[in-house]
């Protein structure tokens, strides 16, 4: 699957159970640095564990991470097929 603009969505819109590839961060310098320190770097695979109410739960490099919806909305991803 290509990283064309129509295939890229914010992480906050990904369904529970989706396996994704991070393609970019649309955040400022401070938040981008924090997200990258958590392992959210371009090319990294992410699995959505929970996207119901409250923070988004994702699995990155074998670790579970809770992200506020505002933060998750700045993480751009492609779904893995």
Protein backbone atom coordinates (compact mmCIF):
# COMPACT_ATOMS: atom_id res chain seq x y z
CA UNK A 1 0.00 0.00 0.00
CA UNK A 2 1.35 3.39 -0.94
CA UNK A 3 1.58 6.38 1.38
CA UNK A 4 -0.69 8.46 -0.84
CA UNK A 5 -2.61 11.25 0.91
CA UNK A 6 -5.99 9.50 0.58
CA UNK A 7 -4.67 6.45 2.49
CA UNK A 8 -3.24 8.44 5.41
CA UNK A 9 -5.50 8.96 8.44
CA UNK A 10 -4.97 10.26 11.98
CA UNK A 11 -4.35 7.52 14.53
CA UNK A 12 -7.42 8.75 16.45
CA UNK A 13 -9.64 7.56 13.56
CA UNK A 14 -8.18 4.04 13.29
CA UNK A 15 -10.47 1.19 14.38
CA UNK A 16 -9.72 -1.04 17.33
CA UNK A 17 -7.53 -3.98 16.30
CA UNK A 18 -6.02 -2.16 13.29
CA UNK A 19 -2.38 -2.74 12.44
CA UNK A 20 -0.81 0.44 11.11
CA UNK A 21 2.41 2.01 9.92
CA UNK A 22 3.27 5.48 11.19
CA UNK A 23 3.93 7.81 8.26
CA UNK A 24 4.38 11.16 10.01
CA UNK A 25 3.69 13.49 12.90
CA UNK A 26 1.78 16.73 12.39
CA UNK A 27 2.78 18.18 15.75
CA UNK A 28 5.05 20.92 17.00
CA UNK A 29 8.66 20.36 18.00
CA UNK A 30 7.93 19.60 21.66
CA UNK A 31 5.13 17.06 21.10
CA UNK A 32 6.96 15.44 18.18
CA UNK A 33 9.99 14.90 20.41
CA UNK A 34 7.85 13.37 23.15
CA UNK A 35 6.06 11.03 20.73
CA UNK A 36 9.37 9.97 19.16
CA UNK A 37 10.78 9.26 22.64
CA UNK A 38 7.83 6.90 23.15
CA UNK A 39 8.83 5.01 19.99
CA UNK A 40 6.36 6.66 17.62
CA UNK A 41 8.70 7.26 14.69
CA UNK A 42 7.98 7.11 10.94
CA UNK A 43 8.00 3.54 9.63
CA UNK A 44 7.13 2.06 13.04
CA UNK A 45 4.30 -0.47 13.19
CA UNK A 46 1.47 0.26 15.64
CA UNK A 47 -1.49 -1.84 16.77
CA UNK A 48 -4.63 -0.16 18.15
CA UNK A 49 -5.64 -2.00 21.32
CA UNK A 50 -8.53 0.25 22.35
CA UNK A 51 -10.27 3.15 20.64
CA UNK A 52 -13.46 3.45 22.62
CA UNK A 53 -13.72 6.13 25.31
CA UNK A 54 -10.89 7.96 26.95
CA UNK A 55 -7.31 7.71 25.77
CA UNK A 56 -6.31 5.56 22.82
CA UNK A 57 -4.36 2.44 23.80
CA UNK A 58 -1.75 1.33 21.28
CA UNK A 59 0.99 -1.26 21.17
CA UNK A 60 4.37 -0.03 19.92
CA UNK A 61 7.51 -2.19 20.00
CA UNK A 62 5.80 -4.59 22.42
CA UNK A 63 4.85 -1.80 24.88
CA UNK A 64 1.35 -0.51 25.60
CA UNK A 65 1.00 3.27 25.40
CA UNK A 66 -2.00 5.45 26.26
CA UNK A 67 -2.36 8.54 24.09
CA UNK A 68 -4.76 11.42 24.61
CA UNK A 69 -7.09 11.84 21.64
CA UNK A 70 -5.56 15.22 20.77
CA UNK A 71 -2.11 13.65 20.59
CA UNK A 72 -3.38 10.65 18.61
CA UNK A 73 -4.97 13.02 16.10
CA UNK A 74 -1.49 14.37 15.24
CA UNK A 75 -0.06 10.91 14.48
CA UNK A 76 -0.60 10.09 10.79
CA UNK A 77 -0.82 6.41 9.83
CA UNK A 78 -1.53 3.96 7.00
CA UNK A 79 -3.35 0.70 7.57
CA UNK A 80 -1.33 -2.46 6.85
CA UNK A 81 -3.10 -4.88 4.53
